[in-house]
Amino acid sequence: DGAGFSITRSDLVLTARVPGIDEAKFQEIARGAKEACPLSKLLNAEITLEATLQG
């Protein structure tokens, strides 16, 4: 029944290759996605994001 179980933290690791985008724009988009994520809001858990743009 899930009694006593909860998700308190989620550590996300993103590695992407996106043509035509610079590091600053990539980080801006990644942060925006993290902050606007409806699932993160629903879980009410600490969310961390490590975003890496590969050249």
N, C-alpha and C. Protein backbone atom coordinates (compact mmCIF):
# COMPACT_ATOMS: atom_id res chain seq x y z
N ASP A 1 0.81 -1.20 0.00
CA ASP A 1 0.00 0.00 0.00
C ASP A 1 0.85 1.25 0.00
N GLY A 2 2.17 1.14 0.16
CA GLY A 2 3.05 2.30 0.11
C GLY A 2 3.17 3.08 1.40
N ALA A 3 2.54 2.61 2.46
CA ALA A 3 2.59 3.33 3.73
C ALA A 3 4.03 3.44 4.20
N GLY A 4 4.45 4.63 4.57
CA GLY A 4 5.80 4.84 5.08
C GLY A 4 6.84 5.09 4.01
N PHE A 5 6.48 5.00 2.76
CA PHE A 5 7.44 5.24 1.68
C PHE A 5 7.21 6.62 1.08
N SER A 6 8.30 7.30 0.77
CA SER A 6 8.18 8.59 0.10
C SER A 6 9.45 8.86 -0.70
N ILE A 7 9.32 9.70 -1.69
CA ILE A 7 10.47 10.15 -2.47
C ILE A 7 10.83 11.52 -1.95
N THR A 8 12.03 11.65 -1.40
CA THR A 8 12.43 12.92 -0.79
C THR A 8 13.48 13.66 -1.61
N ARG A 9 14.08 12.96 -2.57
CA ARG A 9 15.16 13.58 -3.35
C ARG A 9 15.29 12.87 -4.69
N SER A 10 15.62 13.65 -5.72
CA SER A 10 15.89 13.09 -7.04
C SER A 10 17.10 13.82 -7.62
N ASP A 11 18.10 13.07 -8.02
CA ASP A 11 19.31 13.63 -8.62
C ASP A 11 19.29 13.30 -10.12
N LEU A 12 19.13 14.31 -10.93
CA LEU A 12 19.05 14.13 -12.38
C LEU A 12 20.39 14.44 -13.02
N VAL A 13 20.80 13.59 -13.96
CA VAL A 13 22.04 13.80 -14.71
C VAL A 13 21.66 13.83 -16.19
N LEU A 14 21.95 14.94 -16.83
CA LEU A 14 21.62 15.14 -18.24
C LEU A 14 22.90 15.38 -19.02
N THR A 15 23.10 14.58 -20.05
CA THR A 15 24.20 14.79 -20.98
C THR A 15 23.58 14.90 -22.36
N ALA A 16 23.85 16.02 -23.05
CA ALA A 16 23.19 16.25 -24.33
C ALA A 16 24.16 16.76 -25.37
N ARG A 17 23.82 16.49 -26.61
CA ARG A 17 24.53 17.03 -27.76
C ARG A 17 23.48 17.78 -28.57
N VAL A 18 23.56 19.10 -28.58
CA VAL A 18 22.54 19.93 -29.23
C VAL A 18 23.24 20.86 -30.23
N PRO A 19 23.07 20.61 -31.51
CA PRO A 19 23.72 21.46 -32.51
C PRO A 19 23.22 22.91 -32.44
N GLY A 20 24.15 23.85 -32.59
CA GLY A 20 23.78 25.25 -32.69
C GLY A 20 23.40 25.95 -31.40
N ILE A 21 23.80 25.40 -30.26
CA ILE A 21 23.47 26.03 -28.98
C ILE A 21 24.75 26.21 -28.18
N ASP A 22 24.84 27.30 -27.45
CA ASP A 22 26.03 27.49 -26.61
C ASP A 22 25.74 27.03 -25.18
N GLU A 23 26.78 26.94 -24.38
CA GLU A 23 26.68 26.42 -23.01
C GLU A 23 25.70 27.23 -22.17
N ALA A 24 25.76 28.55 -22.27
CA ALA A 24 24.89 29.41 -21.45
C ALA A 24 23.42 29.16 -21.77
N LYS A 25 23.08 29.09 -23.04
CA LYS A 25 21.68 28.86 -23.44
C LYS A 25 21.24 27.47 -23.01
N PHE A 26 22.11 26.48 -23.17
CA PHE A 26 21.79 25.11 -22.75
C PHE A 26 21.47 25.06 -21.26
N GLN A 27 22.32 25.69 -20.44
CA GLN A 27 22.09 25.69 -19.00
C GLN A 27 20.80 26.42 -18.64
N GLU A 28 20.52 27.51 -19.34
CA GLU A 28 19.28 28.27 -19.11
C GLU A 28 18.05 27.40 -19.39
N ILE A 29 18.06 26.68 -20.49
CA ILE A 29 16.94 25.81 -20.85
C ILE A 29 16.82 24.66 -19.86
N ALA A 30 17.94 24.05 -19.48
CA ALA A 30 17.91 22.94 -18.53
C ALA A 30 17.36 23.39 -17.18
N ARG A 31 17.80 24.54 -16.69
CA ARG A 31 17.29 25.07 -15.41
C ARG A 31 15.79 25.36 -15.50
N GLY A 32 15.37 25.94 -16.60
CA GLY A 32 13.95 26.24 -16.78
C GLY A 32 13.10 24.98 -16.78
N ALA A 33 13.58 23.93 -17.44
CA ALA A 33 12.85 22.66 -17.46
C ALA A 33 12.76 22.06 -16.07
N LYS A 34 13.85 22.13 -15.32
CA LYS A 34 13.85 21.61 -13.95
C LYS A 34 12.86 22.37 -13.08
N GLU A 35 12.88 23.69 -13.17
CA GLU A 35 12.02 24.52 -12.32
C GLU A 35 10.54 24.40 -12.68
N ALA A 36 10.22 24.13 -13.94
CA ALA A 36 8.83 24.07 -14.39
C ALA A 36 8.26 22.65 -14.43
N CYS A 37 9.05 21.66 -14.07
CA CYS A 37 8.63 20.26 -14.17
C CYS A 37 7.43 19.96 -13.26
N PRO A 38 6.29 19.57 -13.82
CA PRO A 38 5.12 19.30 -13.00
C PRO A 38 5.30 18.09 -12.08
N LEU A 39 6.07 17.10 -12.51
CA LEU A 39 6.30 15.93 -11.67
C LEU A 39 7.11 16.31 -10.44
N SER A 40 8.10 17.16 -10.61
CA SER A 40 8.90 17.62 -9.47
C SER A 40 8.02 18.34 -8.46
N LYS A 41 7.12 19.17 -8.95
CA LYS A 41 6.21 19.89 -8.06
C LYS A 41 5.28 18.94 -7.34
N LEU A 42 4.80 17.93 -8.04
CA LEU A 42 3.91 16.94 -7.44
C LEU A 42 4.60 16.16 -6.34
N LEU A 43 5.84 15.76 -6.56
CA LEU A 43 6.58 14.97 -5.57
C LEU A 43 6.97 15.80 -4.35
N ASN A 44 7.10 17.11 -4.55
CA ASN A 44 7.54 18.00 -3.47
C ASN A 44 8.84 17.49 -2.84
N ALA A 45 9.78 17.12 -3.70
CA ALA A 45 11.06 16.57 -3.26
C ALA A 45 12.19 17.50 -3.70
N GLU A 46 13.34 17.35 -3.06
CA GLU A 46 14.52 18.09 -3.49
C GLU A 46 15.00 17.53 -4.82
N ILE A 47 15.17 18.40 -5.79
CA ILE A 47 15.61 17.98 -7.12
C ILE A 47 16.94 18.66 -7.43
N THR A 48 17.94 17.87 -7.81
CA THR A 48 19.20 18.44 -8.27
C THR A 48 19.37 18.09 -9.74
N LEU A 49 20.10 18.93 -10.45
CA LEU A 49 20.32 18.70 -11.88
C LEU A 49 21.78 18.96 -12.21
N GLU A 50 22.40 17.98 -12.83
CA GLU A 50 23.75 18.13 -13.39
C GLU A 50 23.60 18.05 -14.90
N ALA A 51 23.74 19.18 -15.58
CA ALA A 51 23.54 19.24 -17.03
C ALA A 51 24.87 19.50 -17.73
N THR A 52 25.19 18.65 -18.69
CA THR A 52 26.44 18.75 -19.43
C THR A 52 26.15 18.78 -20.92
N LEU A 53 26.68 19.79 -21.58
CA LEU A 53 26.55 19.90 -23.03
C LEU A 53 27.83 19.35 -23.66
N GLN A 54 27.66 18.35 -24.51
CA GLN A 54 28.82 17.78 -25.20
C GLN A 54 29.00 18.47 -26.54
N GLY A 55 30.25 18.71 -26.89
CA GLY A 55 30.56 19.45 -28.10
C GLY A 55 30.45 18.66 -29.33
